[in-house]
Amino acid sequence: MIEWRETYSVGIEKLDEQHRNLFQYSNDLESGIKNGAVSKQTLEGALKFLGSYVKGHFSQEEACMFKYACPMAKQNSMAHQKFIEAYKNFQDIIIKDDDHEGTLKQLHHFLETWLVDHICKIDVQLKPCVK
């Protein structure tokens, strides 16, 4: 599990709240996997959550990065595109594959990696620009 820390703040409360929600969702997903709460519905629910997250968060964050002239703005946008591609790939996998547990574990691993490599390294670069 990866716990939210204030050092991950980007300095904009709405974005920080969305990030905290993603951290919590990842942890809830991990708990569900450990407890055996794995099904096609769980996997579809995870993709629905991430789809909603992408629609509601990425454009807001990108707008803030450009508004505050964050030097990571372009890299951030490119990373978001890669996330969307991976998301679409997971959508394809659940249609073709019956290994829901394996796919859910892959999705969780992808999400944890995203939290560490994206939010904790790229997104946090916005904070000095906001000040």
N, C-alpha and C. Protein backbone atom coordinates (compact mmCIF):
# COMPACT_ATOMS: atom_id res chain seq x y z
N MET A 1 0.84 -1.19 0.00
CA MET A 1 0.00 0.00 0.00
C MET A 1 0.88 1.24 0.00
N ILE A 2 0.40 2.22 -0.68
CA ILE A 2 1.12 3.50 -0.76
C ILE A 2 0.23 4.56 -0.12
N GLU A 3 0.72 5.13 0.94
CA GLU A 3 -0.05 6.13 1.67
C GLU A 3 0.25 7.54 1.13
N TRP A 4 -0.78 8.35 1.07
CA TRP A 4 -0.65 9.75 0.68
C TRP A 4 0.18 10.48 1.73
N ARG A 5 1.08 11.33 1.26
CA ARG A 5 1.86 12.20 2.14
C ARG A 5 1.71 13.62 1.63
N GLU A 6 1.78 14.53 2.52
CA GLU A 6 1.63 15.94 2.16
C GLU A 6 2.72 16.39 1.19
N THR A 7 3.85 15.71 1.18
CA THR A 7 4.93 16.05 0.24
C THR A 7 4.52 15.79 -1.21
N TYR A 8 3.44 15.05 -1.42
CA TYR A 8 2.94 14.77 -2.77
C TYR A 8 2.00 15.86 -3.27
N SER A 9 1.73 16.84 -2.44
CA SER A 9 0.82 17.93 -2.80
C SER A 9 1.34 18.71 -3.99
N VAL A 10 0.42 19.13 -4.85
CA VAL A 10 0.78 19.97 -5.99
C VAL A 10 0.45 21.43 -5.73
N GLY A 11 -0.14 21.70 -4.57
CA GLY A 11 -0.44 23.08 -4.19
C GLY A 11 -1.80 23.59 -4.65
N ILE A 12 -2.59 22.72 -5.26
CA ILE A 12 -3.94 23.08 -5.68
C ILE A 12 -4.87 22.03 -5.06
N GLU A 13 -5.71 22.48 -4.14
CA GLU A 13 -6.49 21.55 -3.31
C GLU A 13 -7.33 20.58 -4.13
N LYS A 14 -7.98 21.05 -5.18
CA LYS A 14 -8.84 20.15 -5.98
C LYS A 14 -8.01 19.00 -6.58
N LEU A 15 -6.84 19.32 -7.11
CA LEU A 15 -5.99 18.29 -7.68
C LEU A 15 -5.46 17.36 -6.59
N ASP A 16 -5.08 17.94 -5.45
CA ASP A 16 -4.59 17.12 -4.34
C ASP A 16 -5.68 16.17 -3.86
N GLU A 17 -6.91 16.65 -3.80
CA GLU A 17 -8.02 15.80 -3.38
C GLU A 17 -8.21 14.64 -4.36
N GLN A 18 -8.11 14.93 -5.64
CA GLN A 18 -8.25 13.88 -6.65
C GLN A 18 -7.10 12.86 -6.52
N HIS A 19 -5.90 13.35 -6.27
CA HIS A 19 -4.77 12.45 -6.08
C HIS A 19 -4.96 11.59 -4.83
N ARG A 20 -5.42 12.18 -3.73
CA ARG A 20 -5.67 11.41 -2.51
C ARG A 20 -6.71 10.31 -2.78
N ASN A 21 -7.72 10.65 -3.55
CA ASN A 21 -8.74 9.66 -3.90
C ASN A 21 -8.15 8.50 -4.69
N LEU A 22 -7.22 8.81 -5.59
CA LEU A 22 -6.58 7.76 -6.38
C LEU A 22 -5.70 6.87 -5.49
N PHE A 23 -4.98 7.48 -4.58
CA PHE A 23 -4.19 6.70 -3.62
C PHE A 23 -5.11 5.76 -2.84
N GLN A 24 -6.20 6.29 -2.34
CA GLN A 24 -7.13 5.50 -1.54
C GLN A 24 -7.74 4.38 -2.38
N TYR A 25 -8.08 4.68 -3.62
CA TYR A 25 -8.66 3.66 -4.48
C TYR A 25 -7.66 2.54 -4.72
N SER A 26 -6.42 2.88 -4.96
CA SER A 26 -5.38 1.88 -5.17
C SER A 26 -5.25 0.98 -3.94
N ASN A 27 -5.27 1.58 -2.76
CA ASN A 27 -5.17 0.81 -1.52
C ASN A 27 -6.40 -0.08 -1.32
N ASP A 28 -7.57 0.43 -1.64
CA ASP A 28 -8.79 -0.37 -1.53
C ASP A 28 -8.75 -1.55 -2.51
N LEU A 29 -8.23 -1.29 -3.69
CA LEU A 29 -8.11 -2.35 -4.69
C LEU A 29 -7.16 -3.44 -4.19
N GLU A 30 -6.05 -3.02 -3.61
CA GLU A 30 -5.08 -3.98 -3.07
C GLU A 30 -5.72 -4.82 -1.96
N SER A 31 -6.47 -4.18 -1.09
CA SER A 31 -7.15 -4.91 -0.01
C SER A 31 -8.14 -5.92 -0.58
N GLY A 32 -8.88 -5.51 -1.58
CA GLY A 32 -9.83 -6.41 -2.22
C GLY A 32 -9.16 -7.62 -2.84
N ILE A 33 -8.03 -7.39 -3.48
CA ILE A 33 -7.28 -8.50 -4.09
C ILE A 33 -6.81 -9.46 -3.00
N LYS A 34 -6.26 -8.92 -1.92
CA LYS A 34 -5.76 -9.76 -0.82
C LYS A 34 -6.89 -10.55 -0.17
N ASN A 35 -8.08 -9.98 -0.13
CA ASN A 35 -9.23 -10.64 0.49
C ASN A 35 -9.99 -11.55 -0.48
N GLY A 36 -9.52 -11.64 -1.71
CA GLY A 36 -10.15 -12.52 -2.69
C GLY A 36 -11.39 -11.95 -3.34
N ALA A 37 -11.61 -10.64 -3.19
CA ALA A 37 -12.78 -10.00 -3.79
C ALA A 37 -12.46 -9.64 -5.24
N VAL A 38 -12.36 -10.67 -6.06
CA VAL A 38 -11.97 -10.48 -7.45
C VAL A 38 -13.03 -11.11 -8.35
N SER A 39 -13.52 -10.31 -9.28
CA SER A 39 -14.49 -10.80 -10.25
C SER A 39 -14.42 -9.90 -11.48
N LYS A 40 -15.14 -10.28 -12.47
CA LYS A 40 -15.22 -9.43 -13.67
C LYS A 40 -15.84 -8.08 -13.30
N GLN A 41 -16.82 -8.10 -12.39
CA GLN A 41 -17.46 -6.86 -11.96
C GLN A 41 -16.47 -5.95 -11.23
N THR A 42 -15.60 -6.55 -10.42
CA THR A 42 -14.57 -5.77 -9.72
C THR A 42 -13.66 -5.09 -10.73
N LEU A 43 -13.25 -5.86 -11.71
CA LEU A 43 -12.37 -5.33 -12.76
C LEU A 43 -13.06 -4.25 -13.57
N GLU A 44 -14.30 -4.48 -13.94
CA GLU A 44 -15.06 -3.47 -14.68
C GLU A 44 -15.26 -2.21 -13.83
N GLY A 45 -15.50 -2.39 -12.53
CA GLY A 45 -15.65 -1.25 -11.63
C GLY A 45 -14.37 -0.44 -11.53
N ALA A 46 -13.24 -1.14 -11.51
CA ALA A 46 -11.94 -0.46 -11.45
C ALA A 46 -11.72 0.37 -12.71
N LEU A 47 -12.04 -0.22 -13.85
CA LEU A 47 -11.87 0.52 -15.10
C LEU A 47 -12.84 1.69 -15.20
N LYS A 48 -14.03 1.52 -14.67
CA LYS A 48 -15.00 2.62 -14.66
C LYS A 48 -14.47 3.77 -13.80
N PHE A 49 -13.95 3.43 -12.62
CA PHE A 49 -13.37 4.45 -11.74
C PHE A 49 -12.24 5.18 -12.45
N LEU A 50 -11.32 4.43 -13.05
CA LEU A 50 -10.17 5.05 -13.71
C LEU A 50 -10.60 5.88 -14.92
N GLY A 51 -11.60 5.42 -15.64
CA GLY A 51 -12.12 6.19 -16.77
C GLY A 51 -12.67 7.52 -16.31
N SER A 52 -13.41 7.50 -15.24
CA SER A 52 -13.96 8.73 -14.67
C SER A 52 -12.85 9.64 -14.16
N TYR A 53 -11.85 9.03 -13.55
CA TYR A 53 -10.70 9.79 -13.05
C TYR A 53 -9.99 10.50 -14.20
N VAL A 54 -9.74 9.77 -15.26
CA VAL A 54 -9.05 10.34 -16.42
C VAL A 54 -9.83 11.53 -16.97
N LYS A 55 -11.13 11.37 -17.14
CA LYS A 55 -11.96 12.45 -17.70
C LYS A 55 -12.00 13.68 -16.79
N GLY A 56 -12.07 13.44 -15.49
CA GLY A 56 -12.22 14.55 -14.56
C GLY A 56 -10.93 15.19 -14.12
N HIS A 57 -9.85 14.46 -14.20
CA HIS A 57 -8.61 14.95 -13.61
C HIS A 57 -7.58 15.45 -14.61
N PHE A 58 -7.31 14.66 -15.64
CA PHE A 58 -6.19 14.97 -16.53
C PHE A 58 -6.29 16.36 -17.16
N SER A 59 -7.45 16.71 -17.67
CA SER A 59 -7.56 18.02 -18.33
C SER A 59 -7.40 19.16 -17.33
N GLN A 60 -7.93 18.99 -16.11
CA GLN A 60 -7.76 20.03 -15.09
C GLN A 60 -6.29 20.20 -14.72
N GLU A 61 -5.62 19.08 -14.54
CA GLU A 61 -4.21 19.14 -14.16
C GLU A 61 -3.36 19.74 -15.28
N GLU A 62 -3.62 19.34 -16.50
CA GLU A 62 -2.86 19.87 -17.63
C GLU A 62 -3.08 21.38 -17.76
N ALA A 63 -4.31 21.82 -17.58
CA ALA A 63 -4.60 23.26 -17.65
C ALA A 63 -3.82 24.02 -16.58
N CYS A 64 -3.75 23.46 -15.39
CA CYS A 64 -3.00 24.12 -14.31
C CYS A 64 -1.51 24.13 -14.62
N MET A 65 -1.00 23.06 -15.16
CA MET A 65 0.43 23.00 -15.51
C MET A 65 0.78 24.10 -16.51
N PHE A 66 -0.07 24.28 -17.50
CA PHE A 66 0.19 25.32 -18.50
C PHE A 66 -0.05 26.71 -17.93
N LYS A 67 -1.11 26.87 -17.14
CA LYS A 67 -1.42 28.16 -16.53
C LYS A 67 -0.27 28.69 -15.69
N TYR A 68 0.34 27.80 -14.91
CA TYR A 68 1.42 28.20 -14.01
C TYR A 68 2.80 28.00 -14.63
N ALA A 69 2.84 27.73 -15.92
CA ALA A 69 4.08 27.58 -16.68
C ALA A 69 5.03 26.57 -16.03
N CYS A 70 4.47 25.45 -15.65
CA CYS A 70 5.27 24.39 -15.05
C CYS A 70 6.17 23.77 -16.12
N PRO A 71 7.45 23.64 -15.85
CA PRO A 71 8.36 23.08 -16.86
C PRO A 71 8.06 21.61 -17.20
N MET A 72 7.25 20.95 -16.39
CA MET A 72 6.90 19.55 -16.63
C MET A 72 5.59 19.41 -17.40
N ALA A 73 5.01 20.51 -17.85
CA ALA A 73 3.69 20.47 -18.48
C ALA A 73 3.64 19.53 -19.69
N LYS A 74 4.61 19.63 -20.55
CA LYS A 74 4.60 18.80 -21.76
C LYS A 74 4.81 17.32 -21.39
N GLN A 75 5.76 17.06 -20.51
CA GLN A 75 6.02 15.69 -20.08
C GLN A 75 4.79 15.11 -19.38
N ASN A 76 4.10 15.94 -18.62
CA ASN A 76 2.88 15.53 -17.93
C ASN A 76 1.81 15.11 -18.95
N SER A 77 1.61 15.92 -19.97
CA SER A 77 0.61 15.61 -21.00
C SER A 77 0.95 14.31 -21.72
N MET A 78 2.21 14.11 -22.03
CA MET A 78 2.63 12.88 -22.71
C MET A 78 2.40 11.66 -21.80
N ALA A 79 2.68 11.81 -20.51
CA ALA A 79 2.45 10.71 -19.57
C ALA A 79 0.96 10.39 -19.47
N HIS A 80 0.13 11.42 -19.51
CA HIS A 80 -1.32 11.19 -19.47
C HIS A 80 -1.77 10.40 -20.70
N GLN A 81 -1.20 10.71 -21.85
CA GLN A 81 -1.55 9.96 -23.07
C GLN A 81 -1.17 8.49 -22.93
N LYS A 82 -0.01 8.23 -22.35
CA LYS A 82 0.42 6.84 -22.14
C LYS A 82 -0.52 6.13 -21.16
N PHE A 83 -0.97 6.85 -20.14
CA PHE A 83 -1.93 6.26 -19.19
C PHE A 83 -3.21 5.88 -19.92
N ILE A 84 -3.69 6.77 -20.77
CA ILE A 84 -4.93 6.51 -21.52
C ILE A 84 -4.76 5.30 -22.43
N GLU A 85 -3.60 5.18 -23.06
CA GLU A 85 -3.33 4.01 -23.91
C GLU A 85 -3.36 2.73 -23.08
N ALA A 86 -2.74 2.76 -21.91
CA ALA A 86 -2.73 1.58 -21.03
C ALA A 86 -4.15 1.27 -20.56
N TYR A 87 -4.91 2.29 -20.24
CA TYR A 87 -6.29 2.12 -19.83
C TYR A 87 -7.09 1.42 -20.93
N LYS A 88 -6.94 1.86 -22.15
CA LYS A 88 -7.64 1.23 -23.28
C LYS A 88 -7.19 -0.21 -23.47
N ASN A 89 -5.92 -0.47 -23.24
CA ASN A 89 -5.41 -1.83 -23.33
C ASN A 89 -6.07 -2.73 -22.28
N PHE A 90 -6.22 -2.23 -21.07
CA PHE A 90 -6.91 -3.00 -20.04
C PHE A 90 -8.37 -3.25 -20.41
N GLN A 91 -9.01 -2.28 -21.04
CA GLN A 91 -10.39 -2.49 -21.49
C GLN A 91 -10.46 -3.64 -22.49
N ASP A 92 -9.49 -3.69 -23.40
CA ASP A 92 -9.44 -4.77 -24.38
C ASP A 92 -9.19 -6.12 -23.72
N ILE A 93 -8.31 -6.12 -22.72
CA ILE A 93 -7.95 -7.37 -22.05
C ILE A 93 -9.16 -8.00 -21.37
N ILE A 94 -9.97 -7.19 -20.69
CA ILE A 94 -11.09 -7.81 -19.96
C ILE A 94 -12.15 -8.38 -20.91
N ILE A 95 -12.18 -7.90 -22.12
CA ILE A 95 -13.11 -8.45 -23.11
C ILE A 95 -12.61 -9.82 -23.58
N LYS A 96 -11.29 -9.95 -23.72
CA LYS A 96 -10.71 -11.16 -24.31
C LYS A 96 -10.28 -12.21 -23.29
N ASP A 97 -10.01 -11.82 -22.06
CA ASP A 97 -9.37 -12.70 -21.10
C ASP A 97 -10.27 -12.99 -19.91
N ASP A 98 -10.27 -14.22 -19.47
CA ASP A 98 -11.07 -14.61 -18.31
C ASP A 98 -10.27 -14.64 -17.02
N ASP A 99 -8.98 -14.30 -17.08
CA ASP A 99 -8.15 -14.28 -15.86
C ASP A 99 -8.35 -12.95 -15.15
N HIS A 100 -9.49 -12.79 -14.51
CA HIS A 100 -9.83 -11.52 -13.87
C HIS A 100 -8.87 -11.17 -12.74
N GLU A 101 -8.48 -12.18 -11.97
CA GLU A 101 -7.56 -11.92 -10.86
C GLU A 101 -6.20 -11.45 -11.38
N GLY A 102 -5.68 -12.13 -12.39
CA GLY A 102 -4.39 -11.75 -12.96
C GLY A 102 -4.44 -10.35 -13.57
N THR A 103 -5.53 -10.07 -14.27
CA THR A 103 -5.68 -8.76 -14.89
C THR A 103 -5.82 -7.68 -13.83
N LEU A 104 -6.58 -7.95 -12.78
CA LEU A 104 -6.75 -6.98 -11.71
C LEU A 104 -5.42 -6.71 -11.00
N LYS A 105 -4.63 -7.75 -10.81
CA LYS A 105 -3.30 -7.58 -10.20
C LYS A 105 -2.41 -6.73 -11.11
N GLN A 106 -2.48 -6.97 -12.41
CA GLN A 106 -1.71 -6.16 -13.35
C GLN A 106 -2.15 -4.69 -13.31
N LEU A 107 -3.47 -4.51 -13.26
CA LEU A 107 -4.02 -3.15 -13.20
C LEU A 107 -3.57 -2.45 -11.92
N HIS A 108 -3.61 -3.16 -10.80
CA HIS A 108 -3.18 -2.57 -9.54
C HIS A 108 -1.70 -2.23 -9.58
N HIS A 109 -0.89 -3.12 -10.13
CA HIS A 109 0.55 -2.84 -10.26
C HIS A 109 0.78 -1.60 -11.12
N PHE A 110 0.06 -1.53 -12.22
CA PHE A 110 0.16 -0.36 -13.10
C PHE A 110 -0.20 0.91 -12.33
N LEU A 111 -1.27 0.85 -11.56
CA LEU A 111 -1.73 2.01 -10.81
C LEU A 111 -0.72 2.43 -9.75
N GLU A 112 -0.17 1.47 -9.01
CA GLU A 112 0.84 1.80 -8.00
C GLU A 112 2.07 2.43 -8.65
N THR A 113 2.48 1.88 -9.77
CA THR A 113 3.64 2.43 -10.48
C THR A 113 3.34 3.86 -10.92
N TRP A 114 2.12 4.09 -11.36
CA TRP A 114 1.70 5.44 -11.76
C TRP A 114 1.79 6.40 -10.58
N LEU A 115 1.32 5.97 -9.44
CA LEU A 115 1.35 6.83 -8.25
C LEU A 115 2.79 7.24 -7.93
N VAL A 116 3.69 6.28 -7.97
CA VAL A 116 5.09 6.55 -7.61
C VAL A 116 5.80 7.33 -8.71
N ASP A 117 5.68 6.88 -9.95
CA ASP A 117 6.45 7.48 -11.04
C ASP A 117 5.84 8.76 -11.59
N HIS A 118 4.54 8.91 -11.48
CA HIS A 118 3.93 10.10 -12.06
C HIS A 118 3.59 11.16 -11.00
N ILE A 119 2.71 10.83 -10.11
CA ILE A 119 2.27 11.83 -9.13
C ILE A 119 3.42 12.27 -8.25
N CYS A 120 4.20 11.32 -7.75
CA CYS A 120 5.25 11.63 -6.79
C CYS A 120 6.51 12.22 -7.43
N LYS A 121 6.60 12.18 -8.75
CA LYS A 121 7.79 12.71 -9.42
C LYS A 121 7.49 13.84 -10.41
N ILE A 122 6.41 13.72 -11.15
CA ILE A 122 6.08 14.72 -12.17
C ILE A 122 5.09 15.76 -11.63
N ASP A 123 3.97 15.29 -11.13
CA ASP A 123 2.93 16.22 -10.68
C ASP A 123 3.41 17.17 -9.58
N VAL A 124 4.25 16.67 -8.70
CA VAL A 124 4.71 17.51 -7.58
C VAL A 124 5.54 18.70 -8.07
N GLN A 125 5.99 18.66 -9.31
CA GLN A 125 6.76 19.77 -9.86
C GLN A 125 5.90 21.02 -10.08
N LEU A 126 4.59 20.85 -9.99
CA LEU A 126 3.69 21.98 -10.14
C LEU A 126 3.72 22.91 -8.92
N LYS A 127 3.95 22.34 -7.76
CA LYS A 127 3.84 23.12 -6.51
C LYS A 127 4.72 24.38 -6.48
N PRO A 128 5.98 24.31 -6.84
CA PRO A 128 6.78 25.55 -6.82
C PRO A 128 6.28 26.60 -7.81
N CYS A 129 5.63 26.17 -8.86
CA CYS A 129 5.13 27.10 -9.87
C CYS A 129 3.88 27.82 -9.39
N VAL A 130 3.11 27.17 -8.53
CA VAL A 130 1.86 27.75 -8.02
C VAL A 130 2.17 28.86 -7.03
N LYS A 131 3.25 28.71 -6.29
CA LYS A 131 3.59 29.69 -5.25
C LYS A 131 4.02 31.02 -5.82
